[in-house]
C-alpha atoms as a PDB file:
ATOM      1  CA  UNK A   1     -43.322  42.746-208.145  1.00  0.00           C
ATOM      2  CA  UNK A   2     -45.117  41.578-211.704  1.00  0.00           C
ATOM      3  CA  UNK A   3     -47.085  44.101-213.534  1.00  0.00           C
ATOM      4  CA  UNK A   4     -50.441  42.731-214.877  1.00  0.00           C
ATOM      5  CA  UNK A   5     -52.762  44.922-217.910  1.00  0.00           C
ATOM      6  CA  UNK A   6     -55.541  45.980-216.439  1.00  0.00           C
ATOM      7  CA  UNK A   7     -57.581  47.856-218.267  1.00  0.00           C
ATOM      8  CA  UNK A   8     -57.090  50.215-221.669  1.00  0.00           C
ATOM      9  CA  UNK A   9     -58.584  53.344-221.785  1.00  0.00           C
ATOM     10  CA  UNK A  10     -58.204  56.766-223.249  1.00  0.00           C
ATOM     11  CA  UNK A  11     -55.098  55.727-224.659  1.00  0.00           C
ATOM     12  CA  UNK A  12     -53.572  54.262-221.416  1.00  0.00           C
ATOM     13  CA  UNK A  13     -52.467  50.311-220.388  1.00  0.00           C
ATOM     14  CA  UNK A  14     -53.295  50.553-216.310  1.00  0.00           C
ATOM     15  CA  UNK A  15     -51.679  47.644-214.581  1.00  0.00           C
ATOM     16  CA  UNK A  16     -52.378  45.458-211.257  1.00  0.00           C
ATOM     17  CA  UNK A  17     -48.473  45.915-208.943  1.00  0.00           C
ATOM     18  CA  UNK A  18     -49.506  42.307-207.115  1.00  0.00           C
ATOM     19  CA  UNK A  19     -46.285  41.217-204.534  1.00  0.00           C
ATOM     20  CA  UNK A  20     -46.966  37.263-203.673  1.00  0.00           C
ATOM     21  CA  UNK A  21     -46.603  36.411-199.835  1.00  0.00           C
ATOM     22  CA  UNK A  22     -42.363  36.586-199.390  1.00  0.00           C
ATOM     23  CA  UNK A  23     -43.231  32.220-198.368  1.00  0.00           C
ATOM     24  CA  UNK A  24     -44.513  30.938-201.748  1.00  0.00           C
ATOM     25  CA  UNK A  25     -47.540  28.346-200.665  1.00  0.00           C
ATOM     26  CA  UNK A  26     -49.743  25.786-203.798  1.00  0.00           C
ATOM     27  CA  UNK A  27     -52.569  27.116-201.807  1.00  0.00           C
ATOM     28  CA  UNK A  28     -54.062  29.852-202.942  1.00  0.00           C
ATOM     29  CA  UNK A  29     -53.918  33.611-200.310  1.00  0.00           C
ATOM     30  CA  UNK A  30     -55.256  35.792-199.313  1.00  0.00           C
ATOM     31  CA  UNK A  31     -55.054  39.481-200.468  1.00  0.00           C
ATOM     32  CA  UNK A  32     -55.551  43.137-200.111  1.00  0.00           C
ATOM     33  CA  UNK A  33     -56.690  45.300-202.750  1.00  0.00           C
ATOM     34  CA  UNK A  34     -55.117  48.999-201.777  1.00  0.00           C
ATOM     35  CA  UNK A  35     -56.796  51.590-204.302  1.00  0.00           C
ATOM     36  CA  UNK A  36     -54.295  55.327-202.895  1.00  0.00           C
ATOM     37  CA  UNK A  37     -55.957  58.634-201.688  1.00  0.00           C
ATOM     38  CA  UNK A  38     -55.342  61.648-203.463  1.00  0.00           C
ATOM     39  CA  UNK A  39     -58.370  63.730-204.673  1.00  0.00           C
ATOM     40  CA  UNK A  40     -58.633  61.792-207.530  1.00  0.00           C
ATOM     41  CA  UNK A  41     -56.529  64.125-208.862  1.00  0.00           C
ATOM     42  CA  UNK A  42     -52.817  63.135-207.689  1.00  0.00           C
ATOM     43  CA  UNK A  43     -51.323  60.357-206.019  1.00  0.00           C
ATOM     44  CA  UNK A  44     -50.459  57.137-207.730  1.00  0.00           C
ATOM     45  CA  UNK A  45     -50.028  52.917-206.094  1.00  0.00           C
ATOM     46  CA  UNK A  46     -46.564  53.250-204.332  1.00  0.00           C
ATOM     47  CA  UNK A  47     -48.067  55.484-200.955  1.00  0.00           C
ATOM     48  CA  UNK A  48     -48.993  52.155-199.494  1.00  0.00           C
ATOM     49  CA  UNK A  49     -45.936  50.342-201.287  1.00  0.00           C
ATOM     50  CA  UNK A  50     -44.745  49.924-196.825  1.00  0.00           C
ATOM     51  CA  UNK A  51     -48.171  48.018-195.613  1.00  0.00           C
ATOM     52  CA  UNK A  52     -48.413  46.453-198.684  1.00  0.00           C
ATOM     53  CA  UNK A  53     -44.616  44.363-197.529  1.00  0.00           C
ATOM     54  CA  UNK A  54     -45.445  44.241-194.323  1.00  0.00           C
ATOM     55  CA  UNK A  55     -48.685  42.086-195.642  1.00  0.00           C
ATOM     56  CA  UNK A  56     -46.707  39.800-197.808  1.00  0.00           C
ATOM     57  CA  UNK A  57     -44.842  39.090-194.760  1.00  0.00           C
ATOM     58  CA  UNK A  58     -47.810  37.499-193.083  1.00  0.00           C
ATOM     59  CA  UNK A  59     -48.774  35.492-195.710  1.00  0.00           C
ATOM     60  CA  UNK A  60     -50.818  38.018-198.610  1.00  0.00           C
ATOM     61  CA  UNK A  61     -51.183  38.941-202.301  1.00  0.00           C
ATOM     62  CA  UNK A  62     -50.818  42.423-202.188  1.00  0.00           C
ATOM     63  CA  UNK A  63     -52.486  44.300-205.005  1.00  0.00           C
ATOM     64  CA  UNK A  64     -51.720  47.960-205.741  1.00  0.00           C
ATOM     65  CA  UNK A  65     -54.137  49.420-208.384  1.00  0.00           C
ATOM     66  CA  UNK A  66     -53.827  51.807-210.806  1.00  0.00           C
ATOM     67  CA  UNK A  67     -55.877  54.427-211.792  1.00  0.00           C
ATOM     68  CA  UNK A  68     -56.606  57.506-213.891  1.00  0.00           C
ATOM     69  CA  UNK A  69     -56.605  60.408-211.374  1.00  0.00           C
ATOM     70  CA  UNK A  70     -58.749  62.411-213.810  1.00  0.00           C
ATOM     71  CA  UNK A  71     -62.015  63.019-210.742  1.00  0.00           C
ATOM     72  CA  UNK A  72     -63.779  60.429-208.819  1.00  0.00           C
ATOM     73  CA  UNK A  73     -66.069  58.795-212.011  1.00  0.00           C
ATOM     74  CA  UNK A  74     -63.148  57.778-213.570  1.00  0.00           C
ATOM     75  CA  UNK A  75     -61.026  56.889-210.451  1.00  0.00           C
ATOM     76  CA  UNK A  76     -64.223  54.782-209.256  1.00  0.00           C
ATOM     77  CA  UNK A  77     -64.564  53.303-212.721  1.00  0.00           C
ATOM     78  CA  UNK A  78     -61.371  52.011-213.310  1.00  0.00           C
ATOM     79  CA  UNK A  79     -61.561  50.569-209.517  1.00  0.00           C
ATOM     80  CA  UNK A  80     -64.297  48.568-209.511  1.00  0.00           C
ATOM     81  CA  UNK A  81     -62.479  46.722-213.313  1.00  0.00           C
ATOM     82  CA  UNK A  82     -60.031  46.491-211.283  1.00  0.00           C
ATOM     83  CA  UNK A  83     -61.640  44.396-209.082  1.00  0.00           C
ATOM     84  CA  UNK A  84     -63.348  42.435-211.307  1.00  0.00           C
ATOM     85  CA  UNK A  85     -59.801  41.206-212.906  1.00  0.00           C
ATOM     86  CA  UNK A  86     -58.102  40.631-210.092  1.00  0.00           C
ATOM     87  CA  UNK A  87     -60.924  37.997-208.998  1.00  0.00           C
ATOM     88  CA  UNK A  88     -61.244  36.533-212.954  1.00  0.00           C
ATOM     89  CA  UNK A  89     -57.339  36.515-212.551  1.00  0.00           C
ATOM     90  CA  UNK A  90     -58.023  35.197-209.147  1.00  0.00           C
ATOM     91  CA  UNK A  91     -55.721  31.702-210.508  1.00  0.00           C
ATOM     92  CA  UNK A  92     -52.591  33.513-212.369  1.00  0.00           C
ATOM     93  CA  UNK A  93     -52.201  36.249-209.841  1.00  0.00           C
ATOM     94  CA  UNK A  94     -52.723  33.122-206.371  1.00  0.00           C
ATOM     95  CA  UNK A  95     -56.142  34.857-204.843  1.00  0.00           C
ATOM     96  CA  UNK A  96     -58.104  33.279-202.893  1.00  0.00           C
ATOM     97  CA  UNK A  97     -61.314  34.795-203.978  1.00  0.00           C
ATOM     98  CA  UNK A  98     -63.163  34.185-200.224  1.00  0.00           C
ATOM     99  CA  UNK A  99     -60.524  36.568-199.028  1.00  0.00           C
ATOM    100  CA  UNK A 100     -59.751  39.850-200.436  1.00  0.00           C
ATOM    101  CA  UNK A 101     -59.780  42.473-198.637  1.00  0.00           C
ATOM    102  CA  UNK A 102     -59.711  46.245-200.518  1.00  0.00           C
ATOM    103  CA  UNK A 103     -58.601  48.793-197.666  1.00  0.00           C
ATOM    104  CA  UNK A 104     -57.809  52.364-199.304  1.00  0.00           C
ATOM    105  CA  UNK A 105     -57.141  55.561-197.740  1.00  0.00           C
ATOM    106  CA  UNK A 106     -58.305  58.923-198.080  1.00  0.00           C
ATOM    107  CA  UNK A 107     -60.678  59.133-201.908  1.00  0.00           C
ATOM    108  CA  UNK A 108     -58.772  55.404-201.732  1.00  0.00           C
ATOM    109  CA  UNK A 109     -61.776  54.668-199.382  1.00  0.00           C
ATOM    110  CA  UNK A 110     -63.940  55.641-201.500  1.00  0.00           C
ATOM    111  CA  UNK A 111     -63.149  53.141-203.849  1.00  0.00           C
ATOM    112  CA  UNK A 112     -62.342  50.951-201.855  1.00  0.00           C
ATOM    113  CA  UNK A 113     -65.922  51.366-200.498  1.00  0.00           C
ATOM    114  CA  UNK A 114     -66.884  51.612-204.421  1.00  0.00           C
ATOM    115  CA  UNK A 115     -66.298  47.827-205.007  1.00  0.00           C
ATOM    116  CA  UNK A 116     -67.886  47.198-201.630  1.00  0.00           C
ATOM    117  CA  UNK A 117     -71.851  49.040-201.928  1.00  0.00           C
ATOM    118  CA  UNK A 118     -71.745  51.096-205.102  1.00  0.00           C
ATOM    119  CA  UNK A 119     -74.038  49.919-207.403  1.00  0.00           C
ATOM    120  CA  UNK A 120     -72.216  51.133-210.313  1.00  0.00           C
ATOM    121  CA  UNK A 121     -73.337  49.524-214.442  1.00  0.00           C
ATOM    122  CA  UNK A 122     -69.268  47.803-214.488  1.00  0.00           C
ATOM    123  CA  UNK A 123     -69.914  46.571-210.886  1.00  0.00           C
ATOM    124  CA  UNK A 124     -70.355  42.973-210.015  1.00  0.00           C
ATOM    125  CA  UNK A 125     -72.303  41.064-206.846  1.00  0.00           C
ATOM    126  CA  UNK A 126     -69.646  37.715-207.145  1.00  0.00           C
ATOM    127  CA  UNK A 127     -66.407  39.937-207.332  1.00  0.00           C
ATOM    128  CA  UNK A 128     -67.513  42.280-203.804  1.00  0.00           C
ATOM    129  CA  UNK A 129     -64.672  41.811-200.884  1.00  0.00           C
ATOM    130  CA  UNK A 130     -65.167  40.340-197.876  1.00  0.00           C
ATOM    131  CA  UNK A 131     -63.365  42.842-195.652  1.00  0.00           C
ATOM    132  CA  UNK A 132     -62.594  46.892-195.850  1.00  0.00           C
ATOM    133  CA  UNK A 133     -59.754  48.675-193.870  1.00  0.00           C
ATOM    134  CA  UNK A 134     -59.989  52.656-194.694  1.00  0.00           C
ATOM    135  CA  UNK A 135     -57.820  54.829-193.362  1.00  0.00           C
ATOM    136  CA  UNK A 136     -60.019  58.518-192.877  1.00  0.00           C
ATOM    137  CA  UNK A 137     -62.051  57.655-195.863  1.00  0.00           C
ATOM    138  CA  UNK A 138     -64.097  59.900-197.906  1.00  0.00           C
ATOM    139  CA  UNK A 139     -67.637  58.224-196.907  1.00  0.00           C
ATOM    140  CA  UNK A 140     -69.954  61.083-198.469  1.00  0.00           C
ATOM    141  CA  UNK A 141     -69.746  62.984-201.166  1.00  0.00           C
ATOM    142  CA  UNK A 142     -72.779  65.103-201.429  1.00  0.00           C
ATOM    143  CA  UNK A 143     -70.654  67.556-199.583  1.00  0.00           C
ATOM    144  CA  UNK A 144     -68.053  70.019-198.322  1.00  0.00           C
ATOM    145  CA  UNK A 145     -65.838  69.519-195.946  1.00  0.00           C
ATOM    146  CA  UNK A 146     -67.453  68.843-193.540  1.00  0.00           C
ATOM    147  CA  UNK A 147     -70.017  67.632-194.143  1.00  0.00           C
ATOM    148  CA  UNK A 148     -68.630  65.833-196.339  1.00  0.00           C
ATOM    149  CA  UNK A 149     -65.705  66.279-199.217  1.00  0.00           C
ATOM    150  CA  UNK A 150     -66.112  66.227-203.507  1.00  0.00           C
ATOM    151  CA  UNK A 151     -68.904  67.686-204.341  1.00  0.00           C
ATOM    152  CA  UNK A 152     -67.278  70.188-206.035  1.00  0.00           C
ATOM    153  CA  UNK A 153     -65.766  67.136-208.710  1.00  0.00           C
ATOM    154  CA  UNK A 154     -70.105  66.458-209.829  1.00  0.00           C
ATOM    155  CA  UNK A 155     -71.641  67.962-212.220  1.00  0.00           C
ATOM    156  CA  UNK A 156     -75.239  67.518-209.971  1.00  0.00           C
ATOM    157  CA  UNK A 157     -76.137  65.977-206.797  1.00  0.00           C
ATOM    158  CA  UNK A 158     -77.643  62.624-208.283  1.00  0.00           C
ATOM    159  CA  UNK A 159     -73.987  61.935-210.101  1.00  0.00           C
ATOM    160  CA  UNK A 160     -72.194  63.085-206.142  1.00  0.00           C
ATOM    161  CA  UNK A 161     -74.999  60.785-204.641  1.00  0.00           C
ATOM    162  CA  UNK A 162     -74.820  57.365-206.449  1.00  0.00           C
ATOM    163  CA  UNK A 163     -70.784  57.418-206.076  1.00  0.00           C
ATOM    164  CA  UNK A 164     -71.587  58.594-202.131  1.00  0.00           C
ATOM    165  CA  UNK A 165     -70.907  54.599-200.246  1.00  0.00           C
ATOM    166  CA  UNK A 166     -72.921  56.000-197.057  1.00  0.00           C
ATOM    167  CA  UNK A 167     -75.802  56.825-199.023  1.00  0.00           C
ATOM    168  CA  UNK A 168     -75.350  53.128-200.099  1.00  0.00           C
ATOM    169  CA  UNK A 169     -74.837  51.111-197.125  1.00  0.00           C
ATOM    170  CA  UNK A 170     -76.520  47.727-196.887  1.00  0.00           C
ATOM    171  CA  UNK A 171     -77.384  44.613-195.090  1.00  0.00           C
ATOM    172  CA  UNK A 172     -75.043  41.660-196.176  1.00  0.00           C
ATOM    173  CA  UNK A 173     -71.961  44.982-196.198  1.00  0.00           C
ATOM    174  CA  UNK A 174     -68.183  43.323-195.419  1.00  0.00           C
ATOM    175  CA  UNK A 175     -66.372  44.158-192.247  1.00  0.00           C
ATOM    176  CA  UNK A 176     -64.618  47.035-191.903  1.00  0.00           C
ATOM    177  CA  UNK A 177     -62.481  48.666-189.048  1.00  0.00           C
ATOM    178  CA  UNK A 178     -61.668  53.099-189.865  1.00  0.00           C
ATOM    179  CA  UNK A 179     -58.910  54.390-188.414  1.00  0.00           C
ATOM    180  CA  UNK A 180     -59.800  58.532-188.270  1.00  0.00           C
ATOM    181  CA  UNK A 181     -57.780  61.040-186.336  1.00  0.00           C
ATOM    182  CA  UNK A 182     -59.420  63.644-185.166  1.00  0.00           C
ATOM    183  CA  UNK A 183     -58.148  66.676-186.462  1.00  0.00           C
ATOM    184  CA  UNK A 184     -58.094  65.609-190.058  1.00  0.00           C
ATOM    185  CA  UNK A 185     -58.884  69.610-191.974  1.00  0.00           C
ATOM    186  CA  UNK A 186     -59.720  67.198-195.408  1.00  0.00           C
ATOM    187  CA  UNK A 187     -62.355  64.637-194.648  1.00  0.00           C
ATOM    188  CA  UNK A 188     -63.724  64.697-191.035  1.00  0.00           C
ATOM    189  CA  UNK A 189     -63.315  61.847-188.691  1.00  0.00           C
ATOM    190  CA  UNK A 190     -67.281  61.916-187.496  1.00  0.00           C
ATOM    191  CA  UNK A 191     -68.194  61.472-191.184  1.00  0.00           C
ATOM    192  CA  UNK A 192     -66.409  58.089-191.005  1.00  0.00           C
ATOM    193  CA  UNK A 193     -68.563  57.614-188.008  1.00  0.00           C
ATOM    194  CA  UNK A 194     -71.547  58.548-189.656  1.00  0.00           C
ATOM    195  CA  UNK A 195     -70.217  56.050-191.527  1.00  0.00           C
ATOM    196  CA  UNK A 196     -70.373  53.365-188.652  1.00  0.00           C
ATOM    197  CA  UNK A 197     -74.009  53.592-187.555  1.00  0.00           C
ATOM    198  CA  UNK A 198     -74.666  53.064-190.430  1.00  0.00           C
ATOM    199  CA  UNK A 199     -73.097  49.695-191.476  1.00  0.00           C
ATOM    200  CA  UNK A 200     -74.362  49.037-187.533  1.00  0.00           C
ATOM    201  CA  UNK A 201     -77.288  50.193-187.926  1.00  0.00           C
ATOM    202  CA  UNK A 202     -77.414  47.662-190.915  1.00  0.00           C
ATOM    203  CA  UNK A 203     -77.114  44.974-188.435  1.00  0.00           C
ATOM    204  CA  UNK A 204     -73.041  45.013-189.999  1.00  0.00           C
ATOM    205  CA  UNK A 205     -68.999  44.073-188.000  1.00  0.00           C
ATOM    206  CA  UNK A 206     -67.688  47.901-188.148  1.00  0.00           C
ATOM    207  CA  UNK A 207     -64.844  49.354-185.473  1.00  0.00           C
ATOM    208  CA  UNK A 208     -63.289  52.521-185.606  1.00  0.00           C
ATOM    209  CA  UNK A 209     -59.448  53.765-183.577  1.00  0.00           C
ATOM    210  CA  UNK A 210     -59.938  57.699-183.017  1.00  0.00           C
ATOM    211  CA  UNK A 211     -56.419  59.636-183.450  1.00  0.00           C
ATOM    212  CA  UNK A 212     -57.035  62.143-180.997  1.00  0.00           C
ATOM    213  CA  UNK A 213     -55.160  64.878-182.318  1.00  0.00           C
ATOM    214  CA  UNK A 214     -53.812  63.330-185.883  1.00  0.00           C
ATOM    215  CA  UNK A 215     -54.163  65.088-189.073  1.00  0.00           C
ATOM    216  CA  UNK A 216     -55.010  63.331-192.888  1.00  0.00           C
ATOM    217  CA  UNK A 217     -52.435  61.552-193.871  1.00  0.00           C
ATOM    218  CA  UNK A 218     -51.361  60.220-190.543  1.00  0.00           C
ATOM    219  CA  UNK A 219     -50.646  56.904-190.847  1.00  0.00           C
ATOM    220  CA  UNK A 220     -48.438  57.374-193.852  1.00  0.00           C
ATOM    221  CA  UNK A 221     -44.386  56.237-193.932  1.00  0.00           C
ATOM    222  CA  UNK A 222     -42.437  58.920-193.479  1.00  0.00           C
ATOM    223  CA  UNK A 223     -40.557  56.534-196.491  1.00  0.00           C
ATOM    224  CA  UNK A 224     -42.561  57.676-199.156  1.00  0.00           C
ATOM    225  CA  UNK A 225     -43.311  61.250-198.831  1.00  0.00           C
ATOM    226  CA  UNK A 226     -46.756  62.079-198.890  1.00  0.00           C
ATOM    227  CA  UNK A 227     -47.663  65.107-196.948  1.00  0.00           C
ATOM    228  CA  UNK A 228     -49.370  64.787-193.982  1.00  0.00           C
ATOM    229  CA  UNK A 229     -46.698  62.770-192.741  1.00  0.00           C
ATOM    230  CA  UNK A 230     -45.905  64.820-189.467  1.00  0.00           C
ATOM    231  CA  UNK A 231     -43.087  64.148-187.447  1.00  0.00           C
ATOM    232  CA  UNK A 232     -44.368  60.573-186.065  1.00  0.00           C
ATOM    233  CA  UNK A 233     -44.732  59.705-188.635  1.00  0.00           C
ATOM    234  CA  UNK A 234     -43.416  56.087-188.608  1.00  0.00           C
ATOM    235  CA  UNK A 235     -44.379  56.039-185.278  1.00  0.00           C
ATOM    236  CA  UNK A 236     -47.881  56.394-186.980  1.00  0.00           C
ATOM    237  CA  UNK A 237     -46.829  53.927-190.009  1.00  0.00           C
ATOM    238  CA  UNK A 238     -46.088  50.862-187.136  1.00  0.00           C
ATOM    239  CA  UNK A 239     -49.704  52.069-184.900  1.00  0.00           C
ATOM    240  CA  UNK A 240     -51.853  51.792-187.679  1.00  0.00           C
ATOM    241  CA  UNK A 241     -49.980  49.336-189.454  1.00  0.00           C
ATOM    242  CA  UNK A 242     -50.300  46.878-187.029  1.00  0.00           C
ATOM    243  CA  UNK A 243     -54.177  47.919-185.939  1.00  0.00           C
ATOM    244  CA  UNK A 244     -54.448  46.746-189.925  1.00  0.00           C
ATOM    245  CA  UNK A 245     -52.717  42.972-189.085  1.00  0.00           C
ATOM    246  CA  UNK A 246     -54.548  42.380-186.349  1.00  0.00           C
ATOM    247  CA  UNK A 247     -58.048  43.770-188.372  1.00  0.00           C
ATOM    248  CA  UNK A 248     -56.693  41.082-190.817  1.00  0.00           C
ATOM    249  CA  UNK A 249     -55.871  37.870-188.232  1.00  0.00           C
ATOM    250  CA  UNK A 250     -59.231  38.157-187.010  1.00  0.00           C
ATOM    251  CA  UNK A 251     -61.572  39.092-190.334  1.00  0.00           C
ATOM    252  CA  UNK A 252     -58.992  36.951-193.451  1.00  0.00           C
ATOM    253  CA  UNK A 253     -55.664  35.708-192.903  1.00  0.00           C
ATOM    254  CA  UNK A 254     -56.287  33.554-189.464  1.00  0.00           C
END
């Protein structure tokens, strides 16, 4: 795994952790950019290592993003900067810029969505992913559970709305897949359903798979030790990873 610096801020150098496909190729490869969860205050880039390993076996480049866990504003700035860096360093990374997918869970889902739909100062419309895979994502930052998640992290309503993906859905949003548990007590599954309705209402392609009785973080591999992975963690990891791969085969791999 390579470590590529993409930003230095507050005296800290942030890294992209890049894994090449298991079978090397002379051609640029489809690329998955992963954003971990943790409410923008905790967690780290290792969360999605098990999923990234599966995608490397599928012939994809995987990029695990390190970002500041200092609240949603700093995290979103870093998320956008990381996506810009993937595009700008695509030749070095081995990335096909026409086949980049953003993947995220929980608050990382908001970060993945930010790279696709938010209009932020450092955003670049040339550096948008072509597909999204989201695990129990934060889609509405203007409220708190069950209406949304994260309003308390913002200084005012305007800033909360500026970072709220569901309020910025537009025509041309890339195809997306959402997986969400119906017993999630951190981010309500109806928030994901509302985002899907917004996307479809603007002619976009959006899939949602609901998992009955599953809680927040159910998709994590038991091996990463994330709180929320229950007794069926390995089974849920396999099922959701399989669903992700099915979607990616149709959008960026096939």
